[in-house]
Amino acid sequence: MCMKHRKLLTAGIGLLLTVILIALVRLVDAAPIGAQGTSIGLSHLNQFVFDLFGVNMLWYNITDWLGVAAVLTGFVFAVTGLVQLIKRRSLLKVDREILALGGLYIVVIGLYLFFENVIINYRPIIMPDNTSPEASFPSSHTMLVCVIMGSAAMLINRYIRNKPLNRILRAVCYVIIGVTVVGRLIAGVHWFTDILGGILISVTLLSLYEEVISHGK
């Protein structure tokens, strides 16, 4: 199977698994284990993982700062695209990778807004300064960091020719992703299935993004 088909296959599998996970969370083993008795699907699995780690607000804060680092990374690429647009005086002359990245960011924002309004389940705890449960699926923080830093690693591989620097920067991207995923789970502000959903959506989007930027090469 060629690389192109593998990317599309990965995206398709990621999307299918996301839909299956949503159905499972909504329909299977639901019980009122959430904050203020909200019903959560796959309750035995989610409760087991939550009890295993408990709540750790230090890790919540750490992953929040990693989210800030991801947003700043996205801002760097946005400025890069703006500079190209000004210099080249045509949107069509902006690098394909940067234009596609803008589209990717828009999709992520759209998904965030969608799941804030179409609530799959609620957080396991009431967050500080809140009095009611918040939407929890997918972990938007996980999705944001995975997508921004994952796509950044792809672009670093294309734009940074210095091999040692290339490897260091991509390693930083992967470390931020890994620490965010694990840290968000340990923090206890999301259910296990929320983290998994964020990962599956990210895999789907990144596979599609890789296909778009590699098309025609």
C-alpha atoms as a PDB file:
ATOM      1  CA  MET A   1       0.000   0.000   0.000  1.00  0.00           C
ATOM      2  CA  CYS A   2       1.399   3.417  -0.969  1.00  0.00           C
ATOM      3  CA  MET A   3       2.075   6.126   1.596  1.00  0.00           C
ATOM      4  CA  LYS A   4      -0.874   8.195   0.379  1.00  0.00           C
ATOM      5  CA  HIS A   5      -3.320   5.365   0.954  1.00  0.00           C
ATOM      6  CA  ARG A   6      -1.854   4.641   4.368  1.00  0.00           C
ATOM      7  CA  LYS A   7      -2.481   8.236   5.472  1.00  0.00           C
ATOM      8  CA  LEU A   8      -6.070   8.148   4.286  1.00  0.00           C
ATOM      9  CA  LEU A   9      -6.575   4.719   5.823  1.00  0.00           C
ATOM     10  CA  THR A  10      -5.220   5.967   9.156  1.00  0.00           C
ATOM     11  CA  ALA A  11      -7.554   8.975   9.009  1.00  0.00           C
ATOM     12  CA  GLY A  12     -10.509   6.742   8.194  1.00  0.00           C
ATOM     13  CA  ILE A  13      -9.725   4.332  11.019  1.00  0.00           C
ATOM     14  CA  GLY A  14      -9.287   7.234  13.428  1.00  0.00           C
ATOM     15  CA  LEU A  15     -12.646   8.686  12.427  1.00  0.00           C
ATOM     16  CA  LEU A  16     -14.396   5.315  12.693  1.00  0.00           C
ATOM     17  CA  LEU A  17     -12.926   4.653  16.137  1.00  0.00           C
ATOM     18  CA  THR A  18     -13.972   8.141  17.268  1.00  0.00           C
ATOM     19  CA  VAL A  19     -17.570   7.515  16.211  1.00  0.00           C
ATOM     20  CA  ILE A  20     -17.553   4.103  17.899  1.00  0.00           C
ATOM     21  CA  LEU A  21     -16.136   5.600  21.089  1.00  0.00           C
ATOM     22  CA  ILE A  22     -18.812   8.303  21.150  1.00  0.00           C
ATOM     23  CA  ALA A  23     -21.511   5.658  20.731  1.00  0.00           C
ATOM     24  CA  LEU A  24     -20.028   3.568  23.529  1.00  0.00           C
ATOM     25  CA  VAL A  25     -19.757   6.549  25.871  1.00  0.00           C
ATOM     26  CA  ARG A  26     -23.359   7.487  25.198  1.00  0.00           C
ATOM     27  CA  LEU A  27     -24.945   4.052  25.257  1.00  0.00           C
ATOM     28  CA  VAL A  28     -22.872   1.482  27.151  1.00  0.00           C
ATOM     29  CA  ASP A  29     -22.546   1.013  30.925  1.00  0.00           C
ATOM     30  CA  ALA A  30     -23.827   4.502  31.759  1.00  0.00           C
ATOM     31  CA  ALA A  31     -24.006   5.376  35.444  1.00  0.00           C
ATOM     32  CA  PRO A  32     -24.330   8.595  37.512  1.00  0.00           C
ATOM     33  CA  ILE A  33     -20.645   8.782  38.497  1.00  0.00           C
ATOM     34  CA  GLY A  34     -19.938  12.258  37.174  1.00  0.00           C
ATOM     35  CA  ALA A  35     -19.925  15.569  38.992  1.00  0.00           C
ATOM     36  CA  GLN A  36     -23.332  16.207  40.616  1.00  0.00           C
ATOM     37  CA  GLY A  37     -24.497  12.763  39.511  1.00  0.00           C
ATOM     38  CA  THR A  38     -24.135  13.262  35.767  1.00  0.00           C
ATOM     39  CA  SER A  39     -24.392  10.062  33.758  1.00  0.00           C
ATOM     40  CA  ILE A  40     -21.133   8.769  32.264  1.00  0.00           C
ATOM     41  CA  GLY A  41     -20.798   5.925  29.769  1.00  0.00           C
ATOM     42  CA  LEU A  42     -18.272   3.090  30.143  1.00  0.00           C
ATOM     43  CA  SER A  43     -18.580   3.975  33.804  1.00  0.00           C
ATOM     44  CA  HIS A  44     -16.660   1.024  35.254  1.00  0.00           C
ATOM     45  CA  LEU A  45     -13.636   1.679  33.039  1.00  0.00           C
ATOM     46  CA  ASN A  46     -13.729   5.427  33.603  1.00  0.00           C
ATOM     47  CA  GLN A  47     -14.237   5.106  37.359  1.00  0.00           C
ATOM     48  CA  PHE A  48     -11.373   2.606  37.638  1.00  0.00           C
ATOM     49  CA  VAL A  49      -8.903   4.921  35.886  1.00  0.00           C
ATOM     50  CA  PHE A  50     -10.144   7.955  37.817  1.00  0.00           C
ATOM     51  CA  ASP A  51      -9.750   6.145  41.146  1.00  0.00           C
ATOM     52  CA  LEU A  52      -6.297   4.988  40.079  1.00  0.00           C
ATOM     53  CA  PHE A  53      -4.951   8.532  39.668  1.00  0.00           C
ATOM     54  CA  GLY A  54      -7.373  10.716  41.631  1.00  0.00           C
ATOM     55  CA  VAL A  55      -7.204  14.485  41.192  1.00  0.00           C
ATOM     56  CA  ASN A  56      -3.901  16.319  40.894  1.00  0.00           C
ATOM     57  CA  MET A  57      -4.246  20.038  40.182  1.00  0.00           C
ATOM     58  CA  LEU A  58      -0.466  20.454  39.884  1.00  0.00           C
ATOM     59  CA  TRP A  59      -0.531  18.359  36.739  1.00  0.00           C
ATOM     60  CA  TYR A  60      -3.566  20.298  35.577  1.00  0.00           C
ATOM     61  CA  ASN A  61      -1.541  23.516  35.838  1.00  0.00           C
ATOM     62  CA  ILE A  62       1.509  21.963  34.169  1.00  0.00           C
ATOM     63  CA  THR A  63      -0.531  20.798  31.199  1.00  0.00           C
ATOM     64  CA  ASP A  64      -2.223  24.193  31.031  1.00  0.00           C
ATOM     65  CA  TRP A  65       1.192  25.813  30.554  1.00  0.00           C
ATOM     66  CA  LEU A  66       2.071  23.259  27.902  1.00  0.00           C
ATOM     67  CA  GLY A  67      -1.159  24.291  26.190  1.00  0.00           C
ATOM     68  CA  VAL A  68       0.073  27.887  26.234  1.00  0.00           C
ATOM     69  CA  ALA A  69       3.329  26.712  24.622  1.00  0.00           C
ATOM     70  CA  ALA A  70       1.299  24.972  21.900  1.00  0.00           C
ATOM     71  CA  VAL A  71      -0.773  28.109  21.238  1.00  0.00           C
ATOM     72  CA  LEU A  72       2.413  30.182  20.967  1.00  0.00           C
ATOM     73  CA  THR A  73       3.778  27.640  18.498  1.00  0.00           C
ATOM     74  CA  GLY A  74       0.641  28.007  16.423  1.00  0.00           C
ATOM     75  CA  PHE A  75       1.030  31.797  16.606  1.00  0.00           C
ATOM     76  CA  VAL A  76       4.570  31.520  15.194  1.00  0.00           C
ATOM     77  CA  PHE A  77       3.265  29.669  12.144  1.00  0.00           C
ATOM     78  CA  ALA A  78       0.414  32.162  11.773  1.00  0.00           C
ATOM     79  CA  VAL A  79       2.921  35.029  11.727  1.00  0.00           C
ATOM     80  CA  THR A  80       5.011  33.091   9.198  1.00  0.00           C
ATOM     81  CA  GLY A  81       1.994  32.863   6.917  1.00  0.00           C
ATOM     82  CA  LEU A  82       1.228  36.566   7.363  1.00  0.00           C
ATOM     83  CA  VAL A  83       4.802  37.521   6.483  1.00  0.00           C
ATOM     84  CA  GLN A  84       4.644  35.369   3.361  1.00  0.00           C
ATOM     85  CA  LEU A  85       1.345  36.949   2.382  1.00  0.00           C
ATOM     86  CA  ILE A  86       2.761  40.471   2.750  1.00  0.00           C
ATOM     87  CA  LYS A  87       5.955  39.686   0.867  1.00  0.00           C
ATOM     88  CA  ARG A  88       4.380  37.657  -1.924  1.00  0.00           C
ATOM     89  CA  ARG A  89       1.202  39.769  -2.171  1.00  0.00           C
ATOM     90  CA  SER A  90      -0.998  36.811  -2.932  1.00  0.00           C
ATOM     91  CA  LEU A  91      -2.742  34.280  -0.719  1.00  0.00           C
ATOM     92  CA  LEU A  92      -2.131  31.645  -3.387  1.00  0.00           C
ATOM     93  CA  LYS A  93       1.619  32.174  -3.078  1.00  0.00           C
ATOM     94  CA  VAL A  94       1.687  31.388   0.632  1.00  0.00           C
ATOM     95  CA  ASP A  95       3.229  27.965   1.224  1.00  0.00           C
ATOM     96  CA  ARG A  96       0.737  25.142   0.854  1.00  0.00           C
ATOM     97  CA  GLU A  97       1.764  23.779   4.249  1.00  0.00           C
ATOM     98  CA  ILE A  98       0.963  27.062   5.998  1.00  0.00           C
ATOM     99  CA  LEU A  99      -2.388  27.509   4.261  1.00  0.00           C
ATOM    100  CA  ALA A 100      -3.375  23.950   5.134  1.00  0.00           C
ATOM    101  CA  LEU A 101      -2.267  24.583   8.707  1.00  0.00           C
ATOM    102  CA  GLY A 102      -4.667  27.509   8.929  1.00  0.00           C
ATOM    103  CA  GLY A 103      -7.449  25.239   7.755  1.00  0.00           C
ATOM    104  CA  LEU A 104      -6.431  22.635  10.321  1.00  0.00           C
ATOM    105  CA  TYR A 105      -6.603  25.188  13.134  1.00  0.00           C
ATOM    106  CA  ILE A 106     -10.056  26.309  11.981  1.00  0.00           C
ATOM    107  CA  VAL A 107     -11.293  22.706  12.058  1.00  0.00           C
ATOM    108  CA  VAL A 108      -9.949  22.263  15.605  1.00  0.00           C
ATOM    109  CA  ILE A 109     -11.718  25.421  16.764  1.00  0.00           C
ATOM    110  CA  GLY A 110     -14.904  24.235  15.067  1.00  0.00           C
ATOM    111  CA  LEU A 111     -14.723  20.860  16.803  1.00  0.00           C
ATOM    112  CA  TYR A 112     -14.148  22.565  20.146  1.00  0.00           C
ATOM    113  CA  LEU A 113     -17.263  24.695  19.688  1.00  0.00           C
ATOM    114  CA  PHE A 114     -19.261  21.699  18.466  1.00  0.00           C
ATOM    115  CA  PHE A 115     -18.478  19.537  21.499  1.00  0.00           C
ATOM    116  CA  GLU A 116     -19.078  22.443  23.858  1.00  0.00           C
ATOM    117  CA  ASN A 117     -22.657  22.544  22.589  1.00  0.00           C
ATOM    118  CA  VAL A 118     -23.234  18.867  21.765  1.00  0.00           C
ATOM    119  CA  ILE A 119     -22.270  17.418  25.134  1.00  0.00           C
ATOM    120  CA  ILE A 120     -21.209  13.778  25.205  1.00  0.00           C
ATOM    121  CA  ASN A 121     -20.427  13.705  28.918  1.00  0.00           C
ATOM    122  CA  TYR A 122     -19.294  15.911  31.799  1.00  0.00           C
ATOM    123  CA  ARG A 123     -16.096  16.265  33.817  1.00  0.00           C
ATOM    124  CA  PRO A 124     -15.570  14.017  36.831  1.00  0.00           C
ATOM    125  CA  ILE A 125     -15.183  17.061  39.103  1.00  0.00           C
ATOM    126  CA  ILE A 126     -16.489  20.590  39.419  1.00  0.00           C
ATOM    127  CA  MET A 127     -13.638  22.849  38.390  1.00  0.00           C
ATOM    128  CA  PRO A 128     -12.482  25.713  40.658  1.00  0.00           C
ATOM    129  CA  ASP A 129     -14.588  28.857  40.282  1.00  0.00           C
ATOM    130  CA  ASN A 130     -17.435  26.840  38.687  1.00  0.00           C
ATOM    131  CA  THR A 131     -20.676  25.692  40.265  1.00  0.00           C
ATOM    132  CA  SER A 132     -21.914  23.274  37.617  1.00  0.00           C
ATOM    133  CA  PRO A 133     -20.429  20.429  35.527  1.00  0.00           C
ATOM    134  CA  GLU A 134     -18.605  21.257  32.292  1.00  0.00           C
ATOM    135  CA  ALA A 135     -18.451  19.370  29.009  1.00  0.00           C
ATOM    136  CA  SER A 136     -15.594  16.885  29.075  1.00  0.00           C
ATOM    137  CA  PHE A 137     -15.546  14.894  25.817  1.00  0.00           C
ATOM    138  CA  PRO A 138     -13.204  15.012  24.068  1.00  0.00           C
ATOM    139  CA  SER A 139     -10.364  16.519  26.059  1.00  0.00           C
ATOM    140  CA  SER A 140     -10.043  19.708  24.019  1.00  0.00           C
ATOM    141  CA  HIS A 141      -6.703  20.404  25.669  1.00  0.00           C
ATOM    142  CA  THR A 142      -5.344  17.040  24.518  1.00  0.00           C
ATOM    143  CA  MET A 143      -6.721  17.601  21.030  1.00  0.00           C
ATOM    144  CA  LEU A 144      -5.281  21.120  20.801  1.00  0.00           C
ATOM    145  CA  VAL A 145      -1.777  20.177  21.931  1.00  0.00           C
ATOM    146  CA  CYS A 146      -1.616  16.988  19.862  1.00  0.00           C
ATOM    147  CA  VAL A 147      -2.763  18.720  16.683  1.00  0.00           C
ATOM    148  CA  ILE A 148      -0.631  21.855  17.020  1.00  0.00           C
ATOM    149  CA  MET A 149       2.560  20.135  18.141  1.00  0.00           C
ATOM    150  CA  GLY A 150       2.048  17.153  15.819  1.00  0.00           C
ATOM    151  CA  SER A 151       1.650  19.417  12.788  1.00  0.00           C
ATOM    152  CA  ALA A 152       4.571  21.552  14.026  1.00  0.00           C
ATOM    153  CA  ALA A 153       6.790  18.454  14.018  1.00  0.00           C
ATOM    154  CA  MET A 154       5.815  17.826  10.385  1.00  0.00           C
ATOM    155  CA  LEU A 155       6.643  21.388   9.367  1.00  0.00           C
ATOM    156  CA  ILE A 156       9.919  21.411  11.305  1.00  0.00           C
ATOM    157  CA  ASN A 157      10.921  18.353   9.303  1.00  0.00           C
ATOM    158  CA  ARG A 158      10.250  20.322   6.120  1.00  0.00           C
ATOM    159  CA  TYR A 159      11.638  23.744   6.999  1.00  0.00           C
ATOM    160  CA  ILE A 160      14.594  23.061   9.316  1.00  0.00           C
ATOM    161  CA  ARG A 161      17.493  21.651   7.297  1.00  0.00           C
ATOM    162  CA  ASN A 162      19.983  21.559  10.160  1.00  0.00           C
ATOM    163  CA  LYS A 163      19.672  17.920  11.250  1.00  0.00           C
ATOM    164  CA  PRO A 164      20.649  18.268  14.946  1.00  0.00           C
ATOM    165  CA  LEU A 165      18.316  21.260  15.385  1.00  0.00           C
ATOM    166  CA  ASN A 166      15.586  19.444  13.451  1.00  0.00           C
ATOM    167  CA  ARG A 167      15.791  16.441  15.761  1.00  0.00           C
ATOM    168  CA  ILE A 168      15.842  18.557  18.918  1.00  0.00           C
ATOM    169  CA  LEU A 169      12.809  20.630  17.922  1.00  0.00           C
ATOM    170  CA  ARG A 170      10.792  17.610  16.841  1.00  0.00           C
ATOM    171  CA  ALA A 171      11.729  15.828  20.075  1.00  0.00           C
ATOM    172  CA  VAL A 172      10.432  18.851  22.027  1.00  0.00           C
ATOM    173  CA  CYS A 173       7.137  18.608  20.131  1.00  0.00           C
ATOM    174  CA  TYR A 174       6.759  14.919  20.929  1.00  0.00           C
ATOM    175  CA  VAL A 175       7.693  15.409  24.586  1.00  0.00           C
ATOM    176  CA  ILE A 176       5.078  18.156  24.955  1.00  0.00           C
ATOM    177  CA  ILE A 177       2.472  15.854  23.402  1.00  0.00           C
ATOM    178  CA  GLY A 178       3.411  12.926  25.632  1.00  0.00           C
ATOM    179  CA  VAL A 179       3.547  14.927  28.849  1.00  0.00           C
ATOM    180  CA  THR A 180       0.238  16.604  28.047  1.00  0.00           C
ATOM    181  CA  VAL A 181      -1.594  13.339  27.377  1.00  0.00           C
ATOM    182  CA  VAL A 182      -0.238  11.601  30.474  1.00  0.00           C
ATOM    183  CA  GLY A 183      -0.451  14.728  32.631  1.00  0.00           C
ATOM    184  CA  ARG A 184      -4.046  15.437  31.696  1.00  0.00           C
ATOM    185  CA  LEU A 185      -4.983  11.880  32.647  1.00  0.00           C
ATOM    186  CA  ILE A 186      -3.135  12.113  35.971  1.00  0.00           C
ATOM    187  CA  ALA A 187      -4.741  15.495  36.674  1.00  0.00           C
ATOM    188  CA  GLY A 188      -8.129  13.797  37.000  1.00  0.00           C
ATOM    189  CA  VAL A 189     -10.090  16.583  35.302  1.00  0.00           C
ATOM    190  CA  HIS A 190     -11.115  14.292  32.443  1.00  0.00           C
ATOM    191  CA  TRP A 191     -12.298  10.730  32.125  1.00  0.00           C
ATOM    192  CA  PHE A 192     -10.054   8.211  30.386  1.00  0.00           C
ATOM    193  CA  THR A 193     -12.431   8.121  27.410  1.00  0.00           C
ATOM    194  CA  ASP A 194     -12.145  11.926  27.070  1.00  0.00           C
ATOM    195  CA  ILE A 195      -8.378  11.648  26.671  1.00  0.00           C
ATOM    196  CA  LEU A 196      -8.759   8.755  24.248  1.00  0.00           C
ATOM    197  CA  GLY A 197     -11.275  10.737  22.212  1.00  0.00           C
ATOM    198  CA  GLY A 198      -8.873  13.691  21.991  1.00  0.00           C
ATOM    199  CA  ILE A 199      -6.117  11.379  20.761  1.00  0.00           C
ATOM    200  CA  LEU A 200      -8.302   9.667  18.142  1.00  0.00           C
ATOM    201  CA  ILE A 201      -9.552  12.971  16.746  1.00  0.00           C
ATOM    202  CA  SER A 202      -5.974  14.272  16.628  1.00  0.00           C
ATOM    203  CA  VAL A 203      -4.754  11.187  14.743  1.00  0.00           C
ATOM    204  CA  THR A 204      -7.563  11.660  12.226  1.00  0.00           C
ATOM    205  CA  LEU A 205      -6.837  15.356  11.663  1.00  0.00           C
ATOM    206  CA  LEU A 206      -3.059  14.971  11.520  1.00  0.00           C
ATOM    207  CA  SER A 207      -3.318  12.117   9.017  1.00  0.00           C
ATOM    208  CA  LEU A 208      -5.525  14.247   6.777  1.00  0.00           C
ATOM    209  CA  TYR A 209      -3.192  17.213   7.173  1.00  0.00           C
ATOM    210  CA  GLU A 210      -0.171  15.101   6.230  1.00  0.00           C
ATOM    211  CA  GLU A 211      -2.026  13.872   3.164  1.00  0.00           C
ATOM    212  CA  VAL A 212      -2.878  17.433   2.097  1.00  0.00           C
ATOM    213  CA  ILE A 213       0.665  18.809   2.450  1.00  0.00           C
ATOM    214  CA  SER A 214       2.251  15.795   0.750  1.00  0.00           C
ATOM    215  CA  HIS A 215      -0.173  15.794  -2.194  1.00  0.00           C
ATOM    216  CA  GLY A 216       1.611  16.307  -5.452  1.00  0.00           C
ATOM    217  CA  LYS A 217       5.094  15.804  -4.017  1.00  0.00           C
END
